[in-house]
C-alpha atoms as a PDB file:
ATOM      1  CA  UNK A   1      20.142  -6.396 -11.619  1.00  0.00           C
ATOM      2  CA  UNK A   2      16.781  -8.092 -11.866  1.00  0.00           C
ATOM      3  CA  UNK A   3      14.045  -7.183  -9.405  1.00  0.00           C
ATOM      4  CA  UNK A   4      15.436  -3.750  -8.534  1.00  0.00           C
ATOM      5  CA  UNK A   5      12.852  -0.977  -8.918  1.00  0.00           C
ATOM      6  CA  UNK A   6      13.605   2.732  -8.820  1.00  0.00           C
ATOM      7  CA  UNK A   7      12.003   4.819  -6.096  1.00  0.00           C
ATOM      8  CA  UNK A   8      11.606   8.584  -6.096  1.00  0.00           C
ATOM      9  CA  UNK A   9      10.324  11.107  -3.573  1.00  0.00           C
ATOM     10  CA  UNK A  10       8.244  14.036  -4.760  1.00  0.00           C
ATOM     11  CA  UNK A  11       5.330  16.372  -4.205  1.00  0.00           C
ATOM     12  CA  UNK A  12       1.813  15.756  -5.529  1.00  0.00           C
ATOM     13  CA  UNK A  13       0.893  18.646  -7.843  1.00  0.00           C
ATOM     14  CA  UNK A  14      -2.377  17.297  -9.243  1.00  0.00           C
ATOM     15  CA  UNK A  15      -5.001  14.815  -8.023  1.00  0.00           C
ATOM     16  CA  UNK A  16      -7.841  15.591 -10.448  1.00  0.00           C
ATOM     17  CA  UNK A  17      -7.772  12.189 -12.173  1.00  0.00           C
ATOM     18  CA  UNK A  18      -9.352   9.043 -10.759  1.00  0.00           C
ATOM     19  CA  UNK A  19      -6.748   6.798  -9.046  1.00  0.00           C
ATOM     20  CA  UNK A  20      -3.919   8.848 -10.585  1.00  0.00           C
ATOM     21  CA  UNK A  21      -1.734  11.631  -9.207  1.00  0.00           C
ATOM     22  CA  UNK A  22       0.969  13.739 -10.824  1.00  0.00           C
ATOM     23  CA  UNK A  23       4.175  13.765  -8.771  1.00  0.00           C
ATOM     24  CA  UNK A  24       6.956  16.293  -9.366  1.00  0.00           C
ATOM     25  CA  UNK A  25      10.575  15.774  -8.323  1.00  0.00           C
ATOM     26  CA  UNK A  26      13.437  18.282  -8.431  1.00  0.00           C
ATOM     27  CA  UNK A  27      17.172  17.883  -8.831  1.00  0.00           C
ATOM     28  CA  UNK A  28      19.919  20.466  -8.980  1.00  0.00           C
ATOM     29  CA  UNK A  29      22.622  20.190 -11.659  1.00  0.00           C
ATOM     30  CA  UNK A  30      25.486  22.411 -12.703  1.00  0.00           C
ATOM     31  CA  UNK A  31      25.457  23.849 -16.228  1.00  0.00           C
ATOM     32  CA  UNK A  32      28.415  22.373 -18.146  1.00  0.00           C
ATOM     33  CA  UNK A  33      29.569  25.666 -19.694  1.00  0.00           C
ATOM     34  CA  UNK A  34      28.362  28.461 -17.409  1.00  0.00           C
ATOM     35  CA  UNK A  35      28.770  26.574 -14.088  1.00  0.00           C
ATOM     36  CA  UNK A  36      25.473  27.953 -12.799  1.00  0.00           C
ATOM     37  CA  UNK A  37      23.249  25.654 -10.745  1.00  0.00           C
ATOM     38  CA  UNK A  38      19.973  24.796 -12.467  1.00  0.00           C
ATOM     39  CA  UNK A  39      16.882  23.250 -10.902  1.00  0.00           C
ATOM     40  CA  UNK A  40      15.475  20.547 -13.175  1.00  0.00           C
ATOM     41  CA  UNK A  41      12.059  19.012 -12.638  1.00  0.00           C
ATOM     42  CA  UNK A  42      10.528  15.729 -13.717  1.00  0.00           C
ATOM     43  CA  UNK A  43       6.833  14.883 -13.532  1.00  0.00           C
ATOM     44  CA  UNK A  44       5.510  11.351 -13.119  1.00  0.00           C
ATOM     45  CA  UNK A  45       1.958  10.064 -13.357  1.00  0.00           C
ATOM     46  CA  UNK A  46       1.544   7.582 -10.513  1.00  0.00           C
ATOM     47  CA  UNK A  47      -1.196   5.105  -9.609  1.00  0.00           C
ATOM     48  CA  UNK A  48      -2.990   5.844  -6.311  1.00  0.00           C
ATOM     49  CA  UNK A  49      -5.371   2.947  -5.665  1.00  0.00           C
ATOM     50  CA  UNK A  50      -7.225   4.420  -2.650  1.00  0.00           C
ATOM     51  CA  UNK A  51      -7.368   8.030  -3.961  1.00  0.00           C
ATOM     52  CA  UNK A  52      -5.737   9.058  -0.666  1.00  0.00           C
ATOM     53  CA  UNK A  53      -3.176  11.566  -1.991  1.00  0.00           C
ATOM     54  CA  UNK A  54      -3.952  15.285  -2.052  1.00  0.00           C
ATOM     55  CA  UNK A  55      -2.146  18.263  -3.603  1.00  0.00           C
ATOM     56  CA  UNK A  56       0.909  19.160  -1.520  1.00  0.00           C
ATOM     57  CA  UNK A  57       1.520  15.691  -0.064  1.00  0.00           C
ATOM     58  CA  UNK A  58       5.085  14.387  -0.113  1.00  0.00           C
ATOM     59  CA  UNK A  59       4.976  10.826  -1.451  1.00  0.00           C
ATOM     60  CA  UNK A  60       7.314   8.007  -2.386  1.00  0.00           C
ATOM     61  CA  UNK A  61       6.686   6.394  -5.773  1.00  0.00           C
ATOM     62  CA  UNK A  62       8.037   3.145  -7.181  1.00  0.00           C
ATOM     63  CA  UNK A  63       8.612   2.108 -10.775  1.00  0.00           C
ATOM     64  CA  UNK A  64       6.192  -0.509 -12.151  1.00  0.00           C
ATOM     65  CA  UNK A  65       4.965  -2.053 -15.372  1.00  0.00           C
ATOM     66  CA  UNK A  66       3.068   0.230 -17.760  1.00  0.00           C
ATOM     67  CA  UNK A  67      -0.413   0.798 -16.327  1.00  0.00           C
ATOM     68  CA  UNK A  68      -1.626   3.140 -19.084  1.00  0.00           C
ATOM     69  CA  UNK A  69      -0.185   5.284 -21.866  1.00  0.00           C
ATOM     70  CA  UNK A  70       1.782   7.544 -19.502  1.00  0.00           C
ATOM     71  CA  UNK A  71       1.463   5.872 -16.083  1.00  0.00           C
ATOM     72  CA  UNK A  72       4.476   3.768 -15.012  1.00  0.00           C
ATOM     73  CA  UNK A  73       4.742   4.482 -11.273  1.00  0.00           C
ATOM     74  CA  UNK A  74       2.895   3.405  -8.097  1.00  0.00           C
ATOM     75  CA  UNK A  75       2.478   5.418  -4.909  1.00  0.00           C
ATOM     76  CA  UNK A  76       4.092   3.362  -2.129  1.00  0.00           C
ATOM     77  CA  UNK A  77       3.473   5.624   0.855  1.00  0.00           C
ATOM     78  CA  UNK A  78       2.613   9.148   1.860  1.00  0.00           C
ATOM     79  CA  UNK A  79       5.585  10.580   3.757  1.00  0.00           C
ATOM     80  CA  UNK A  80       3.992  13.878   4.788  1.00  0.00           C
ATOM     81  CA  UNK A  81       0.401  15.072   4.462  1.00  0.00           C
ATOM     82  CA  UNK A  82      -0.299  18.603   3.236  1.00  0.00           C
ATOM     83  CA  UNK A  83      -1.529  21.080   5.809  1.00  0.00           C
END
């Protein structure tokens, strides 16, 4: 389907770079053999144009064209600010 971009919700774990944040998402899967639930994490580097995200913010990111070597996501909105 053309024009459909993936969106993910995650927590900002690093904001030390200029206009870039690292967003971490979690998902829970069941181990195929041992049937134990495992928490898997994925980290995305996302573009933050206004440098408005801080560590601990819950954000929504959207897939985009490659912006740098590792950056392929854009921050769409901040869902919850960190306290």
